[in-house]
Amino acid sequence: MSGHSKWKNIQHRKGRQDAAKANAFTKISREIYMAARNGGGDPNTNFRLKVAIQKAKEVNMPNDNIERTIKKATGEIEGVTYEEITYEGYAPGGVAVMVDTLTDNRNRTAAEMRHIFSRHGGNLGESGCVSFLFQRKGQILIDREEEEVDEEAVMLAAIDAGAEDVEVEEDEITVYTEPDLLEKVREGLENAGIPISSAEVTMVPTTTVKVAGEEAEKVLKLIDRLEESDDVQNVYANFEIDDEEMERLN
C-alpha cells in the first residue's frame, strides 16, 4: 500500500475526519454535483454518482442535502457552477502529488495551490508531469482493528467477485479492482459478511518514494494542508514511510 493511503487510514481511525465533518460535507456535495452534472441524476445508471452518494451516507449527510445537490447539477434548481481541475507537482524528497479540485473560481484555486506547494517545500508542475506515475483503480478498505476478519474469506470473496489484487497488512486489508468493477466487488464482499470501511475509485501509484525524518514530516504537512482546502476533493501521493515513523509523526 502507498504511504499516503496508510496515512489517510490512520487519520480516519483516530477520528480526525470527524472534526472536519462540515468540510467533508462540502467536498462530498461537490463530488455529487459533478457526478450528476456529467452523468445524470440517476445513481442506478451513473456509477460515479452512486459512489458519491454512498460516501455522503457514510458521513451521515442528510438526504435533503443530497437531493438538492443533484437538482442543482441537473438544472432543476439554480446553483453555483463548478469545474474540475487536476493539479500536479512534487512534495519534498521528489514525492509525486496529484490534487483533484472542484472550483467555482479557477484563478483563486490555482493561486492557492501554488502557495501551498511553495510554502511547504514543494513545487507545482505542469499538467502531466506526474500523472503517468499513477493508475486509476477501485479500492476497498477493510479495517482489521475494529473487528476480526478472516483473511482467507476476504481473498476468496474478492477473487470470486472479480477483484484484481488483495493486499493484507496487520491492521487492514486492501482490495483493488478495475474502476467499473468496484461496486460488484463491494457487493460480493458485503454479501459474504465482510465489513467494509470504505470503497472508492482512486489513483494508485505504480512506484513509490521512501521518505523519513524531517523530509517525511514536510511531506505530511503539505498533504494535510492540501486536504484542508475547501476546493480540494482528493490528494494522491506516492510516498512510503515506515510504520514506526508514521506512528511517530502521527
C-alpha atoms as a PDB file:
ATOM      1  CA  MET A   1       0.000   0.000   0.000  1.00  0.00           C
ATOM      2  CA  SER A   2       1.207   3.521  -0.679  1.00  0.00           C
ATOM      3  CA  GLY A   3       2.237   5.572   2.305  1.00  0.00           C
ATOM      4  CA  HIS A   4      -0.461   8.120   1.594  1.00  0.00           C
ATOM      5  CA  SER A   5      -3.216   5.513   1.780  1.00  0.00           C
ATOM      6  CA  LYS A   6      -1.804   4.343   5.101  1.00  0.00           C
ATOM      7  CA  TRP A   7      -1.723   7.917   6.391  1.00  0.00           C
ATOM      8  CA  LYS A   8      -5.354   8.518   5.444  1.00  0.00           C
ATOM      9  CA  ASN A   9      -6.443   5.341   7.215  1.00  0.00           C
ATOM     10  CA  ILE A  10      -4.628   6.365  10.403  1.00  0.00           C
ATOM     11  CA  GLN A  11      -6.388   9.725  10.244  1.00  0.00           C
ATOM     12  CA  HIS A  12      -9.742   8.009   9.810  1.00  0.00           C
ATOM     13  CA  ARG A  13      -9.286   5.618  12.744  1.00  0.00           C
ATOM     14  CA  LYS A  14      -8.163   8.398  15.100  1.00  0.00           C
ATOM     15  CA  GLY A  15     -11.230  10.480  14.272  1.00  0.00           C
ATOM     16  CA  ARG A  16      -9.556  13.394  12.548  1.00  0.00           C
ATOM     17  CA  GLN A  17     -12.164  13.352   9.793  1.00  0.00           C
ATOM     18  CA  ASP A  18     -14.994  13.724  12.326  1.00  0.00           C
ATOM     19  CA  ALA A  19     -13.532  17.052  13.436  1.00  0.00           C
ATOM     20  CA  ALA A  20     -13.840  18.282   9.849  1.00  0.00           C
ATOM     21  CA  LYS A  21     -17.343  16.991   9.088  1.00  0.00           C
ATOM     22  CA  ALA A  22     -18.505  20.350   7.699  1.00  0.00           C
ATOM     23  CA  ASN A  23     -15.551  20.302   5.345  1.00  0.00           C
ATOM     24  CA  ALA A  24     -16.378  16.715   4.382  1.00  0.00           C
ATOM     25  CA  PHE A  25     -19.962  17.721   3.576  1.00  0.00           C
ATOM     26  CA  THR A  26     -18.676  20.476   1.279  1.00  0.00           C
ATOM     27  CA  LYS A  27     -16.332  18.161  -0.598  1.00  0.00           C
ATOM     28  CA  ILE A  28     -18.844  15.348  -0.999  1.00  0.00           C
ATOM     29  CA  SER A  29     -21.583  17.752  -2.107  1.00  0.00           C
ATOM     30  CA  ARG A  30     -19.311  18.988  -4.883  1.00  0.00           C
ATOM     31  CA  GLU A  31     -18.484  15.421  -5.901  1.00  0.00           C
ATOM     32  CA  ILE A  32     -22.206  14.609  -6.095  1.00  0.00           C
ATOM     33  CA  TYR A  33     -22.721  17.771  -8.134  1.00  0.00           C
ATOM     34  CA  MET A  34     -20.066  16.905 -10.725  1.00  0.00           C
ATOM     35  CA  ALA A  35     -21.147  13.280 -10.932  1.00  0.00           C
ATOM     36  CA  ALA A  36     -24.754  14.262 -11.561  1.00  0.00           C
ATOM     37  CA  ARG A  37     -23.854  17.068 -13.976  1.00  0.00           C
ATOM     38  CA  ASN A  38     -21.666  14.803 -16.110  1.00  0.00           C
ATOM     39  CA  GLY A  39     -23.631  11.559 -15.906  1.00  0.00           C
ATOM     40  CA  GLY A  40     -27.196  12.426 -14.956  1.00  0.00           C
ATOM     41  CA  GLY A  41     -29.102  12.338 -11.691  1.00  0.00           C
ATOM     42  CA  ASP A  42     -29.935   8.620 -11.563  1.00  0.00           C
ATOM     43  CA  PRO A  43     -27.443   6.629  -9.423  1.00  0.00           C
ATOM     44  CA  ASN A  44     -28.679   3.387 -10.998  1.00  0.00           C
ATOM     45  CA  THR A  45     -27.189   4.419 -14.331  1.00  0.00           C
ATOM     46  CA  ASN A  46     -24.452   6.770 -13.051  1.00  0.00           C
ATOM     47  CA  PHE A  47     -21.806   4.797 -11.153  1.00  0.00           C
ATOM     48  CA  ARG A  48     -19.797   7.845 -10.106  1.00  0.00           C
ATOM     49  CA  LEU A  49     -22.932   9.357  -8.573  1.00  0.00           C
ATOM     50  CA  LYS A  50     -23.719   6.088  -6.798  1.00  0.00           C
ATOM     51  CA  VAL A  51     -20.269   6.041  -5.184  1.00  0.00           C
ATOM     52  CA  ALA A  52     -20.557   9.719  -4.202  1.00  0.00           C
ATOM     53  CA  ILE A  53     -23.941   9.145  -2.562  1.00  0.00           C
ATOM     54  CA  GLN A  54     -22.500   6.211  -0.656  1.00  0.00           C
ATOM     55  CA  LYS A  55     -19.711   8.463   0.633  1.00  0.00           C
ATOM     56  CA  ALA A  56     -22.327  11.013   1.697  1.00  0.00           C
ATOM     57  CA  LYS A  57     -24.226   8.388   3.671  1.00  0.00           C
ATOM     58  CA  GLU A  58     -21.020   7.242   5.368  1.00  0.00           C
ATOM     59  CA  VAL A  59     -20.639  10.716   6.904  1.00  0.00           C
ATOM     60  CA  ASN A  60     -24.386  10.936   7.656  1.00  0.00           C
ATOM     61  CA  MET A  61     -25.167  13.668   5.164  1.00  0.00           C
ATOM     62  CA  PRO A  62     -28.951  14.328   5.199  1.00  0.00           C
ATOM     63  CA  ASN A  63     -30.895  13.016   2.191  1.00  0.00           C
ATOM     64  CA  ASP A  64     -32.290  16.516   1.595  1.00  0.00           C
ATOM     65  CA  ASN A  65     -28.745  17.813   1.042  1.00  0.00           C
ATOM     66  CA  ILE A  66     -28.015  15.015  -1.417  1.00  0.00           C
ATOM     67  CA  GLU A  67     -31.224  15.520  -3.390  1.00  0.00           C
ATOM     68  CA  ARG A  68     -30.812  19.312  -3.500  1.00  0.00           C
ATOM     69  CA  THR A  69     -27.257  18.992  -4.816  1.00  0.00           C
ATOM     70  CA  ILE A  70     -28.384  16.609  -7.568  1.00  0.00           C
ATOM     71  CA  LYS A  71     -31.172  19.002  -8.594  1.00  0.00           C
ATOM     72  CA  LYS A  72     -28.688  21.880  -8.788  1.00  0.00           C
ATOM     73  CA  ALA A  73     -26.429  19.804 -11.010  1.00  0.00           C
ATOM     74  CA  THR A  74     -29.222  18.757 -13.360  1.00  0.00           C
ATOM     75  CA  GLY A  75     -30.624  22.295 -13.615  1.00  0.00           C
ATOM     76  CA  GLU A  76     -33.849  21.717 -11.700  1.00  0.00           C
ATOM     77  CA  ILE A  77     -32.872  24.494  -9.280  1.00  0.00           C
ATOM     78  CA  GLU A  78     -30.294  27.259  -9.588  1.00  0.00           C
ATOM     79  CA  GLY A  79     -26.852  26.913  -8.011  1.00  0.00           C
ATOM     80  CA  VAL A  80     -23.151  27.628  -8.309  1.00  0.00           C
ATOM     81  CA  THR A  81     -21.345  26.142 -11.331  1.00  0.00           C
ATOM     82  CA  TYR A  82     -18.185  24.146 -10.632  1.00  0.00           C
ATOM     83  CA  GLU A  83     -15.429  22.821 -12.865  1.00  0.00           C
ATOM     84  CA  GLU A  84     -12.932  20.022 -12.294  1.00  0.00           C
ATOM     85  CA  ILE A  85      -9.209  20.819 -12.393  1.00  0.00           C
ATOM     86  CA  THR A  86      -6.341  18.491 -11.504  1.00  0.00           C
ATOM     87  CA  TYR A  87      -3.028  19.968 -10.340  1.00  0.00           C
ATOM     88  CA  GLU A  88       0.254  18.047 -10.370  1.00  0.00           C
ATOM     89  CA  GLY A  89       3.534  18.668  -8.629  1.00  0.00           C
ATOM     90  CA  TYR A  90       6.208  17.448  -6.262  1.00  0.00           C
ATOM     91  CA  ALA A  91       6.486  17.372  -2.485  1.00  0.00           C
ATOM     92  CA  PRO A  92       9.866  17.394  -0.685  1.00  0.00           C
ATOM     93  CA  GLY A  93      12.005  14.364  -1.493  1.00  0.00           C
ATOM     94  CA  GLY A  94      10.711  14.125  -5.062  1.00  0.00           C
ATOM     95  CA  VAL A  95       7.337  12.709  -3.966  1.00  0.00           C
ATOM     96  CA  ALA A  96       4.756  12.937  -6.775  1.00  0.00           C
ATOM     97  CA  VAL A  97       1.471  14.619  -5.864  1.00  0.00           C
ATOM     98  CA  MET A  98      -1.833  14.863  -7.745  1.00  0.00           C
ATOM     99  CA  VAL A  99      -4.630  17.131  -6.491  1.00  0.00           C
ATOM    100  CA  ASP A 100      -8.224  16.881  -7.738  1.00  0.00           C
ATOM    101  CA  THR A 101     -10.197  20.087  -7.237  1.00  0.00           C
ATOM    102  CA  LEU A 102     -13.734  21.314  -7.841  1.00  0.00           C
ATOM    103  CA  THR A 103     -13.915  25.076  -8.024  1.00  0.00           C
ATOM    104  CA  ASP A 104     -16.153  27.978  -8.960  1.00  0.00           C
ATOM    105  CA  ASN A 105     -13.097  30.221  -9.411  1.00  0.00           C
ATOM    106  CA  ARG A 106     -10.106  28.664 -11.163  1.00  0.00           C
ATOM    107  CA  ASN A 107      -7.860  31.714 -10.597  1.00  0.00           C
ATOM    108  CA  ARG A 108      -8.389  31.572  -6.838  1.00  0.00           C
ATOM    109  CA  THR A 109      -7.754  27.833  -6.716  1.00  0.00           C
ATOM    110  CA  ALA A 110      -4.628  27.993  -8.895  1.00  0.00           C
ATOM    111  CA  ALA A 111      -3.149  30.717  -6.682  1.00  0.00           C
ATOM    112  CA  GLU A 112      -3.927  28.729  -3.527  1.00  0.00           C
ATOM    113  CA  MET A 113      -2.394  25.518  -4.899  1.00  0.00           C
ATOM    114  CA  ARG A 114       0.754  27.368  -5.944  1.00  0.00           C
ATOM    115  CA  HIS A 115       1.012  28.982  -2.499  1.00  0.00           C
ATOM    116  CA  ILE A 116       0.535  25.700  -0.586  1.00  0.00           C
ATOM    117  CA  PHE A 117       3.124  23.809  -2.621  1.00  0.00           C
ATOM    118  CA  SER A 118       5.667  26.619  -2.362  1.00  0.00           C
ATOM    119  CA  ARG A 119       5.182  27.280   1.355  1.00  0.00           C
ATOM    120  CA  HIS A 120       5.683  23.628   2.266  1.00  0.00           C
ATOM    121  CA  GLY A 121       8.793  22.935   0.203  1.00  0.00           C
ATOM    122  CA  GLY A 122       7.101  21.539  -2.894  1.00  0.00           C
ATOM    123  CA  ASN A 123       6.758  22.610  -6.497  1.00  0.00           C
ATOM    124  CA  LEU A 124       3.601  22.893  -8.586  1.00  0.00           C
ATOM    125  CA  GLY A 125       4.312  21.422 -12.020  1.00  0.00           C
ATOM    126  CA  GLU A 126       2.759  21.278 -15.462  1.00  0.00           C
ATOM    127  CA  SER A 127      -0.181  19.062 -16.381  1.00  0.00           C
ATOM    128  CA  GLY A 128       1.045  15.509 -16.965  1.00  0.00           C
ATOM    129  CA  CYS A 129       4.295  15.857 -15.023  1.00  0.00           C
ATOM    130  CA  VAL A 130       3.388  13.093 -12.523  1.00  0.00           C
ATOM    131  CA  SER A 131       0.096  11.539 -13.677  1.00  0.00           C
ATOM    132  CA  PHE A 132       1.969   8.797 -15.543  1.00  0.00           C
ATOM    133  CA  LEU A 133       3.124   7.508 -12.135  1.00  0.00           C
ATOM    134  CA  PHE A 134      -0.450   6.598 -11.090  1.00  0.00           C
ATOM    135  CA  GLN A 135      -3.169   4.182 -12.231  1.00  0.00           C
ATOM    136  CA  ARG A 136      -6.903   4.617 -11.721  1.00  0.00           C
ATOM    137  CA  LYS A 137      -8.241   1.764  -9.568  1.00  0.00           C
ATOM    138  CA  GLY A 138     -11.169   0.816  -7.385  1.00  0.00           C
ATOM    139  CA  GLN A 139     -10.035   0.493  -3.760  1.00  0.00           C
ATOM    140  CA  ILE A 140     -11.915  -1.198  -0.927  1.00  0.00           C
ATOM    141  CA  LEU A 141     -10.568  -0.971   2.629  1.00  0.00           C
ATOM    142  CA  ILE A 142     -11.331  -3.480   5.363  1.00  0.00           C
ATOM    143  CA  ASP A 143     -10.304  -2.439   8.877  1.00  0.00           C
ATOM    144  CA  ARG A 144      -8.894  -5.311  10.938  1.00  0.00           C
ATOM    145  CA  GLU A 145      -8.555  -3.251  14.126  1.00  0.00           C
ATOM    146  CA  GLU A 146     -12.271  -2.746  14.714  1.00  0.00           C
ATOM    147  CA  GLU A 147     -13.272  -6.418  14.419  1.00  0.00           C
ATOM    148  CA  GLU A 148     -11.841  -9.784  13.486  1.00  0.00           C
ATOM    149  CA  VAL A 149     -11.732 -10.504   9.771  1.00  0.00           C
ATOM    150  CA  ASP A 150     -10.969 -13.860   8.164  1.00  0.00           C
ATOM    151  CA  GLU A 151      -8.141 -13.157   5.750  1.00  0.00           C
ATOM    152  CA  GLU A 152      -8.828 -16.204   3.593  1.00  0.00           C
ATOM    153  CA  ALA A 153     -12.554 -15.435   3.408  1.00  0.00           C
ATOM    154  CA  VAL A 154     -11.777 -11.924   2.157  1.00  0.00           C
ATOM    155  CA  MET A 155      -9.454 -13.230  -0.533  1.00  0.00           C
ATOM    156  CA  LEU A 156     -11.904 -15.854  -1.775  1.00  0.00           C
ATOM    157  CA  ALA A 157     -14.867 -13.447  -1.823  1.00  0.00           C
ATOM    158  CA  ALA A 158     -12.827 -10.731  -3.520  1.00  0.00           C
ATOM    159  CA  ILE A 159     -11.495 -13.049  -6.234  1.00  0.00           C
ATOM    160  CA  ASP A 160     -14.933 -14.557  -6.839  1.00  0.00           C
ATOM    161  CA  ALA A 161     -16.370 -11.061  -7.290  1.00  0.00           C
ATOM    162  CA  GLY A 162     -13.685 -10.090  -9.810  1.00  0.00           C
ATOM    163  CA  ALA A 163     -11.081  -8.263  -7.719  1.00  0.00           C
ATOM    164  CA  GLU A 164      -7.696  -7.598  -9.295  1.00  0.00           C
ATOM    165  CA  ASP A 165      -5.478  -7.769  -6.215  1.00  0.00           C
ATOM    166  CA  VAL A 166      -5.639  -8.101  -2.414  1.00  0.00           C
ATOM    167  CA  GLU A 167      -3.031  -6.667  -0.048  1.00  0.00           C
ATOM    168  CA  VAL A 168      -3.030  -7.939   3.541  1.00  0.00           C
ATOM    169  CA  GLU A 169      -1.485  -5.984   6.396  1.00  0.00           C
ATOM    170  CA  GLU A 170      -1.672  -6.352  10.151  1.00  0.00           C
ATOM    171  CA  ASP A 171      -4.310  -3.677  10.668  1.00  0.00           C
ATOM    172  CA  GLU A 172      -6.130  -3.644   7.318  1.00  0.00           C
ATOM    173  CA  ILE A 173      -6.836  -5.404   4.057  1.00  0.00           C
ATOM    174  CA  THR A 174      -6.965  -3.516   0.757  1.00  0.00           C
ATOM    175  CA  VAL A 175      -8.812  -4.903  -2.243  1.00  0.00           C
ATOM    176  CA  TYR A 176      -8.059  -3.427  -5.670  1.00  0.00           C
ATOM    177  CA  THR A 177     -10.395  -3.644  -8.655  1.00  0.00           C
ATOM    178  CA  GLU A 178     -10.852  -2.214 -12.101  1.00  0.00           C
ATOM    179  CA  PRO A 179     -12.847   1.021 -11.603  1.00  0.00           C
ATOM    180  CA  ASP A 180     -16.001  -0.281 -13.290  1.00  0.00           C
ATOM    181  CA  LEU A 181     -15.981  -3.416 -11.095  1.00  0.00           C
ATOM    182  CA  LEU A 182     -15.794  -1.568  -7.762  1.00  0.00           C
ATOM    183  CA  GLU A 183     -19.492  -1.844  -6.953  1.00  0.00           C
ATOM    184  CA  LYS A 184     -19.677  -5.501  -7.986  1.00  0.00           C
ATOM    185  CA  VAL A 185     -16.738  -6.446  -5.771  1.00  0.00           C
ATOM    186  CA  ARG A 186     -18.069  -4.356  -2.902  1.00  0.00           C
ATOM    187  CA  GLU A 187     -21.414  -6.135  -3.075  1.00  0.00           C
ATOM    188  CA  GLY A 188     -19.650  -9.502  -3.238  1.00  0.00           C
ATOM    189  CA  LEU A 189     -17.713  -8.762  -0.056  1.00  0.00           C
ATOM    190  CA  GLU A 190     -20.770  -7.438   1.763  1.00  0.00           C
ATOM    191  CA  ASN A 191     -22.807 -10.493   0.737  1.00  0.00           C
ATOM    192  CA  ALA A 192     -20.032 -12.633   2.231  1.00  0.00           C
ATOM    193  CA  GLY A 193     -20.471 -10.804   5.549  1.00  0.00           C
ATOM    194  CA  ILE A 194     -17.204  -8.885   5.340  1.00  0.00           C
ATOM    195  CA  PRO A 195     -17.309  -5.389   6.937  1.00  0.00           C
ATOM    196  CA  ILE A 196     -16.088  -2.614   4.627  1.00  0.00           C
ATOM    197  CA  SER A 197     -14.740   0.675   5.967  1.00  0.00           C
ATOM    198  CA  SER A 198     -14.604   2.478   2.603  1.00  0.00           C
ATOM    199  CA  ALA A 199     -14.856   1.932  -1.142  1.00  0.00           C
ATOM    200  CA  GLU A 200     -13.866   4.450  -3.807  1.00  0.00           C
ATOM    201  CA  VAL A 201     -12.220   4.965  -7.157  1.00  0.00           C
ATOM    202  CA  THR A 202      -8.724   6.322  -6.525  1.00  0.00           C
ATOM    203  CA  MET A 203      -5.306   6.826  -8.093  1.00  0.00           C
ATOM    204  CA  VAL A 204      -2.778   4.171  -7.050  1.00  0.00           C
ATOM    205  CA  PRO A 205       0.946   4.871  -7.517  1.00  0.00           C
ATOM    206  CA  THR A 206       2.893   2.478  -9.737  1.00  0.00           C
ATOM    207  CA  THR A 207       6.167   3.396  -7.999  1.00  0.00           C
ATOM    208  CA  THR A 208       6.851   4.882  -4.578  1.00  0.00           C
ATOM    209  CA  VAL A 209       9.437   7.166  -2.988  1.00  0.00           C
ATOM    210  CA  LYS A 210      10.633   6.424   0.542  1.00  0.00           C
ATOM    211  CA  VAL A 211      10.968   9.388   2.895  1.00  0.00           C
ATOM    212  CA  ALA A 212      11.911   9.639   6.572  1.00  0.00           C
ATOM    213  CA  GLY A 213      12.690  12.124   9.325  1.00  0.00           C
ATOM    214  CA  GLU A 214      12.278  15.811   8.600  1.00  0.00           C
ATOM    215  CA  GLU A 215      11.563  15.116   4.946  1.00  0.00           C
ATOM    216  CA  ALA A 216       8.666  12.816   5.834  1.00  0.00           C
ATOM    217  CA  GLU A 217       7.292  15.428   8.209  1.00  0.00           C
ATOM    218  CA  LYS A 218       7.367  18.076   5.473  1.00  0.00           C
ATOM    219  CA  VAL A 219       5.580  15.749   3.039  1.00  0.00           C
ATOM    220  CA  LEU A 220       2.763  15.044   5.506  1.00  0.00           C
ATOM    221  CA  LYS A 221       2.370  18.741   6.323  1.00  0.00           C
ATOM    222  CA  LEU A 222       1.999  19.526   2.627  1.00  0.00           C
ATOM    223  CA  ILE A 223      -0.568  16.747   2.147  1.00  0.00           C
ATOM    224  CA  ASP A 224      -2.531  17.855   5.219  1.00  0.00           C
ATOM    225  CA  ARG A 225      -2.618  21.470   4.078  1.00  0.00           C
ATOM    226  CA  LEU A 226      -3.836  20.487   0.606  1.00  0.00           C
ATOM    227  CA  GLU A 227      -6.590  18.302   2.065  1.00  0.00           C
ATOM    228  CA  GLU A 228      -7.757  21.184   4.278  1.00  0.00           C
ATOM    229  CA  SER A 229      -8.537  23.352   1.239  1.00  0.00           C
ATOM    230  CA  ASP A 230     -12.252  23.662   0.504  1.00  0.00           C
ATOM    231  CA  ASP A 231     -11.587  23.390  -3.228  1.00  0.00           C
ATOM    232  CA  VAL A 232      -9.648  20.109  -2.943  1.00  0.00           C
ATOM    233  CA  GLN A 233     -11.543  16.853  -3.400  1.00  0.00           C
ATOM    234  CA  ASN A 234      -8.715  14.312  -3.388  1.00  0.00           C
ATOM    235  CA  VAL A 235      -4.953  14.255  -2.919  1.00  0.00           C
ATOM    236  CA  TYR A 236      -2.825  11.366  -4.212  1.00  0.00           C
ATOM    237  CA  ALA A 237       0.866  10.898  -3.492  1.00  0.00           C
ATOM    238  CA  ASN A 238       3.452   8.152  -3.947  1.00  0.00           C
ATOM    239  CA  PHE A 239       5.416   8.413  -0.698  1.00  0.00           C
ATOM    240  CA  GLU A 240       6.396   5.474   1.514  1.00  0.00           C
ATOM    241  CA  ILE A 241       7.033   5.883   5.230  1.00  0.00           C
ATOM    242  CA  ASP A 242       7.932   3.064   7.643  1.00  0.00           C
ATOM    243  CA  ASP A 243       5.141   2.135  10.074  1.00  0.00           C
ATOM    244  CA  GLU A 244       7.131   3.183  13.150  1.00  0.00           C
ATOM    245  CA  GLU A 245       7.960   6.530  11.577  1.00  0.00           C
ATOM    246  CA  MET A 246       4.329   7.006  10.517  1.00  0.00           C
ATOM    247  CA  GLU A 247       3.076   6.428  14.068  1.00  0.00           C
ATOM    248  CA  ARG A 248       5.665   8.832  15.458  1.00  0.00           C
ATOM    249  CA  LEU A 249       4.710  11.563  13.037  1.00  0.00           C
ATOM    250  CA  ASN A 250       1.013  10.973  13.595  1.00  0.00           C
END
